[in-house]
């Protein structure tokens, strides 16, 4: 899995995305106590492709 920049925010984003994807992609699966955000723009950077 590839994501940039490598930091705790990116780590959390990847974990939240996996959880969201595995649980039906419902808005309520992305709340994470107010820290989650559904985005519509691809967060990939260069050759680092974000898994959808």
PDB file of N, CA and C in Angstrom:
ATOM      1  N   UNK A   1       0.855  -1.175   0.000  1.00  0.00           N
ATOM      2  CA  UNK A   1       0.000   0.000   0.000  1.00  0.00           C
ATOM      3  C   UNK A   1       0.894   1.228   0.000  1.00  0.00           C
ATOM      4  N   UNK A   2       0.513   2.219  -0.756  1.00  0.00           N
ATOM      5  CA  UNK A   2       1.336   3.402  -0.932  1.00  0.00           C
ATOM      6  C   UNK A   2       0.522   4.647  -0.581  1.00  0.00           C
ATOM      7  N   UNK A   3       1.111   5.509   0.200  1.00  0.00           N
ATOM      8  CA  UNK A   3       0.459   6.771   0.508  1.00  0.00           C
ATOM      9  C   UNK A   3       1.508   7.798   0.914  1.00  0.00           C
ATOM     10  N   UNK A   4       1.243   9.052   0.594  1.00  0.00           N
ATOM     11  CA  UNK A   4       2.151  10.148   0.924  1.00  0.00           C
ATOM     12  C   UNK A   4       1.360  11.293   1.526  1.00  0.00           C
ATOM     13  N   UNK A   5       1.950  12.092   2.369  1.00  0.00           N
ATOM     14  CA  UNK A   5       3.253  11.896   2.993  1.00  0.00           C
ATOM     15  C   UNK A   5       3.159  10.840   4.088  1.00  0.00           C
ATOM     16  N   UNK A   6       4.257  10.164   4.383  1.00  0.00           N
ATOM     17  CA  UNK A   6       4.236   9.134   5.421  1.00  0.00           C
ATOM     18  C   UNK A   6       4.215   9.768   6.823  1.00  0.00           C
ATOM     19  N   UNK A   7       3.033   9.848   7.414  1.00  0.00           N
ATOM     20  CA  UNK A   7       2.888  10.398   8.767  1.00  0.00           C
ATOM     21  C   UNK A   7       1.645   9.792   9.420  1.00  0.00           C
ATOM     22  N   UNK A   8       1.375  10.159  10.643  1.00  0.00           N
ATOM     23  CA  UNK A   8       0.246   9.570  11.379  1.00  0.00           C
ATOM     24  C   UNK A   8      -1.100   9.911  10.741  1.00  0.00           C
ATOM     25  N   UNK A   9      -1.223  11.074  10.141  1.00  0.00           N
ATOM     26  CA  UNK A   9      -2.481  11.449   9.481  1.00  0.00           C
ATOM     27  C   UNK A   9      -2.721  10.549   8.274  1.00  0.00           C
ATOM     28  N   UNK A  10      -1.684  10.303   7.482  1.00  0.00           N
ATOM     29  CA  UNK A  10      -1.817   9.406   6.335  1.00  0.00           C
ATOM     30  C   UNK A  10      -2.112   7.982   6.795  1.00  0.00           C
ATOM     31  N   UNK A  11      -1.450   7.546   7.873  1.00  0.00           N
ATOM     32  CA  UNK A  11      -1.720   6.214   8.425  1.00  0.00           C
ATOM     33  C   UNK A  11      -3.192   6.086   8.806  1.00  0.00           C
ATOM     34  N   UNK A  12      -3.710   7.091   9.521  1.00  0.00           N
ATOM     35  CA  UNK A  12      -5.106   7.072   9.942  1.00  0.00           C
ATOM     36  C   UNK A  12      -6.038   7.081   8.738  1.00  0.00           C
ATOM     37  N   UNK A  13      -5.707   7.854   7.724  1.00  0.00           N
ATOM     38  CA  UNK A  13      -6.529   7.930   6.523  1.00  0.00           C
ATOM     39  C   UNK A  13      -6.654   6.565   5.852  1.00  0.00           C
ATOM     40  N   UNK A  14      -5.550   5.845   5.760  1.00  0.00           N
ATOM     41  CA  UNK A  14      -5.562   4.525   5.133  1.00  0.00           C
ATOM     42  C   UNK A  14      -6.441   3.572   5.935  1.00  0.00           C
ATOM     43  N   UNK A  15      -6.269   3.553   7.247  1.00  0.00           N
ATOM     44  CA  UNK A  15      -7.065   2.654   8.100  1.00  0.00           C
ATOM     45  C   UNK A  15      -8.543   3.008   8.019  1.00  0.00           C
ATOM     46  N   UNK A  16      -8.873   4.300   8.080  1.00  0.00           N
ATOM     47  CA  UNK A  16     -10.271   4.730   7.985  1.00  0.00           C
ATOM     48  C   UNK A  16     -10.866   4.333   6.640  1.00  0.00           C
ATOM     49  N   UNK A  17     -10.093   4.490   5.561  1.00  0.00           N
ATOM     50  CA  UNK A  17     -10.582   4.140   4.228  1.00  0.00           C
ATOM     51  C   UNK A  17     -10.854   2.645   4.121  1.00  0.00           C
ATOM     52  N   UNK A  18      -9.970   1.835   4.663  1.00  0.00           N
ATOM     53  CA  UNK A  18     -10.178   0.385   4.630  1.00  0.00           C
ATOM     54  C   UNK A  18     -11.447   0.024   5.395  1.00  0.00           C
ATOM     55  N   UNK A  19     -11.606   0.576   6.590  1.00  0.00           N
ATOM     56  CA  UNK A  19     -12.801   0.301   7.395  1.00  0.00           C
ATOM     57  C   UNK A  19     -14.065   0.730   6.647  1.00  0.00           C
ATOM     58  N   UNK A  20     -14.048   1.948   6.108  1.00  0.00           N
ATOM     59  CA  UNK A  20     -15.185   2.496   5.360  1.00  0.00           C
ATOM     60  C   UNK A  20     -15.531   1.594   4.178  1.00  0.00           C
ATOM     61  N   UNK A  21     -14.511   1.170   3.425  1.00  0.00           N
ATOM     62  CA  UNK A  21     -14.725   0.332   2.248  1.00  0.00           C
ATOM     63  C   UNK A  21     -15.278  -1.047   2.612  1.00  0.00           C
ATOM     64  N   UNK A  22     -14.807  -1.613   3.706  1.00  0.00           N
ATOM     65  CA  UNK A  22     -15.240  -2.952   4.115  1.00  0.00           C
ATOM     66  C   UNK A  22     -16.595  -2.971   4.806  1.00  0.00           C
ATOM     67  N   UNK A  23     -17.119  -1.792   5.154  1.00  0.00           N
ATOM     68  CA  UNK A  23     -18.375  -1.726   5.899  1.00  0.00           C
ATOM     69  C   UNK A  23     -19.490  -1.020   5.151  1.00  0.00           C
ATOM     70  N   UNK A  24     -19.488  -1.135   3.824  1.00  0.00           N
ATOM     71  CA  UNK A  24     -20.616  -0.673   3.029  1.00  0.00           C
ATOM     72  C   UNK A  24     -20.535   0.733   2.478  1.00  0.00           C
ATOM     73  N   UNK A  25     -19.457   1.458   2.753  1.00  0.00           N
ATOM     74  CA  UNK A  25     -19.284   2.830   2.253  1.00  0.00           C
ATOM     75  C   UNK A  25     -20.477   3.713   2.585  1.00  0.00           C
ATOM     76  N   UNK A  26     -20.983   3.594   3.806  1.00  0.00           N
ATOM     77  CA  UNK A  26     -22.071   4.445   4.280  1.00  0.00           C
ATOM     78  C   UNK A  26     -21.481   5.638   5.029  1.00  0.00           C
ATOM     79  N   UNK A  27     -22.089   6.819   4.906  1.00  0.00           N
ATOM     80  CA  UNK A  27     -21.557   7.990   5.614  1.00  0.00           C
ATOM     81  C   UNK A  27     -21.375   7.754   7.111  1.00  0.00           C
ATOM     82  N   UNK A  28     -22.277   6.987   7.727  1.00  0.00           N
ATOM     83  CA  UNK A  28     -22.149   6.737   9.162  1.00  0.00           C
ATOM     84  C   UNK A  28     -20.961   5.836   9.487  1.00  0.00           C
ATOM     85  N   UNK A  29     -20.380   5.163   8.482  1.00  0.00           N
ATOM     86  CA  UNK A  29     -19.172   4.361   8.687  1.00  0.00           C
ATOM     87  C   UNK A  29     -17.917   5.220   8.601  1.00  0.00           C
ATOM     88  N   UNK A  30     -18.082   6.507   8.389  1.00  0.00           N
ATOM     89  CA  UNK A  30     -16.927   7.383   8.210  1.00  0.00           C
ATOM     90  C   UNK A  30     -16.875   8.489   9.254  1.00  0.00           C
ATOM     91  N   UNK A  31     -17.676   8.406  10.279  1.00  0.00           N
ATOM     92  CA  UNK A  31     -17.700   9.460  11.288  1.00  0.00           C
ATOM     93  C   UNK A  31     -16.432   9.478  12.137  1.00  0.00           C
ATOM     94  N   UNK A  32     -16.072   8.349  12.693  1.00  0.00           N
ATOM     95  CA  UNK A  32     -14.892   8.236  13.555  1.00  0.00           C
ATOM     96  C   UNK A  32     -14.855   9.359  14.585  1.00  0.00           C
ATOM     97  N   UNK A  33     -15.999   9.519  15.245  1.00  0.00           N
ATOM     98  CA  UNK A  33     -16.133  10.531  16.307  1.00  0.00           C
ATOM     99  C   UNK A  33     -15.791  11.935  15.803  1.00  0.00           C
ATOM    100  N   UNK A  34     -16.206  12.227  14.581  1.00  0.00           N
ATOM    101  CA  UNK A  34     -16.013  13.554  14.006  1.00  0.00           C
ATOM    102  C   UNK A  34     -14.668  13.778  13.332  1.00  0.00           C
ATOM    103  N   UNK A  35     -13.833  12.751  13.253  1.00  0.00           N
ATOM    104  CA  UNK A  35     -12.517  12.931  12.646  1.00  0.00           C
ATOM    105  C   UNK A  35     -12.448  12.441  11.204  1.00  0.00           C
ATOM    106  N   UNK A  36     -13.484  11.749  10.734  1.00  0.00           N
ATOM    107  CA  UNK A  36     -13.495  11.224   9.372  1.00  0.00           C
ATOM    108  C   UNK A  36     -14.083  12.224   8.394  1.00  0.00           C
ATOM    109  N   UNK A  37     -13.710  12.071   7.133  1.00  0.00           N
ATOM    110  CA  UNK A  37     -14.180  12.959   6.085  1.00  0.00           C
ATOM    111  C   UNK A  37     -14.265  12.171   4.785  1.00  0.00           C
ATOM    112  N   UNK A  38     -15.406  12.254   4.113  1.00  0.00           N
ATOM    113  CA  UNK A  38     -15.554  11.614   2.807  1.00  0.00           C
ATOM    114  C   UNK A  38     -15.078  12.609   1.753  1.00  0.00           C
ATOM    115  N   UNK A  39     -14.123  12.184   0.926  1.00  0.00           N
ATOM    116  CA  UNK A  39     -13.601  13.058  -0.127  1.00  0.00           C
ATOM    117  C   UNK A  39     -13.985  12.503  -1.490  1.00  0.00           C
ATOM    118  N   UNK A  40     -14.076  13.377  -2.461  1.00  0.00           N
ATOM    119  CA  UNK A  40     -14.427  12.957  -3.815  1.00  0.00           C
ATOM    120  C   UNK A  40     -13.248  13.107  -4.766  1.00  0.00           C
ATOM    121  N   UNK A  41     -12.163  13.715  -4.314  1.00  0.00           N
ATOM    122  CA  UNK A  41     -10.979  13.897  -5.147  1.00  0.00           C
ATOM    123  C   UNK A  41      -9.947  12.817  -4.805  1.00  0.00           C
ATOM    124  N   UNK A  42      -9.352  12.208  -5.820  1.00  0.00           N
ATOM    125  CA  UNK A  42      -8.357  11.166  -5.637  1.00  0.00           C
ATOM    126  C   UNK A  42      -7.146  11.721  -4.886  1.00  0.00           C
ATOM    127  N   UNK A  43      -6.793  11.144  -3.723  1.00  0.00           N
ATOM    128  CA  UNK A  43      -5.653  11.647  -2.947  1.00  0.00           C
ATOM    129  C   UNK A  43      -4.297  11.105  -3.404  1.00  0.00           C
ATOM    130  N   UNK A  44      -4.269  10.369  -4.509  1.00  0.00           N
ATOM    131  CA  UNK A  44      -3.005   9.803  -5.001  1.00  0.00           C
ATOM    132  C   UNK A  44      -2.012  10.915  -5.332  1.00  0.00           C
ATOM    133  N   UNK A  45      -0.709  10.608  -5.133  1.00  0.00           N
ATOM    134  CA  UNK A  45       0.352  11.572  -5.401  1.00  0.00           C
ATOM    135  C   UNK A  45       1.403  10.904  -6.267  1.00  0.00           C
ATOM    136  N   UNK A  46       1.591  11.399  -7.484  1.00  0.00           N
ATOM    137  CA  UNK A  46       2.593  10.836  -8.391  1.00  0.00           C
ATOM    138  C   UNK A  46       2.378   9.351  -8.645  1.00  0.00           C
ATOM    139  N   UNK A  47       3.425   8.553  -8.436  1.00  0.00           N
ATOM    140  CA  UNK A  47       3.329   7.109  -8.640  1.00  0.00           C
ATOM    141  C   UNK A  47       2.725   6.393  -7.438  1.00  0.00           C
ATOM    142  N   UNK A  48       2.426   7.131  -6.386  1.00  0.00           N
ATOM    143  CA  UNK A  48       1.829   6.563  -5.194  1.00  0.00           C
ATOM    144  C   UNK A  48       0.303   6.599  -5.363  1.00  0.00           C
ATOM    145  N   UNK A  49      -0.271   5.474  -5.735  1.00  0.00           N
ATOM    146  CA  UNK A  49      -1.698   5.378  -6.034  1.00  0.00           C
ATOM    147  C   UNK A  49      -2.449   4.923  -4.793  1.00  0.00           C
ATOM    148  N   UNK A  50      -3.413   5.725  -4.364  1.00  0.00           N
ATOM    149  CA  UNK A  50      -4.226   5.423  -3.196  1.00  0.00           C
ATOM    150  C   UNK A  50      -5.238   4.344  -3.563  1.00  0.00           C
ATOM    151  N   UNK A  51      -5.286   3.281  -2.798  1.00  0.00           N
ATOM    152  CA  UNK A  51      -6.220   2.182  -3.062  1.00  0.00           C
ATOM    153  C   UNK A  51      -7.641   2.587  -2.712  1.00  0.00           C
ATOM    154  N   UNK A  52      -8.580   2.340  -3.608  1.00  0.00           N
ATOM    155  CA  UNK A  52      -9.982   2.691  -3.391  1.00  0.00           C
ATOM    156  C   UNK A  52     -10.743   1.462  -2.954  1.00  0.00           C
TER     157      UNK A  52
END
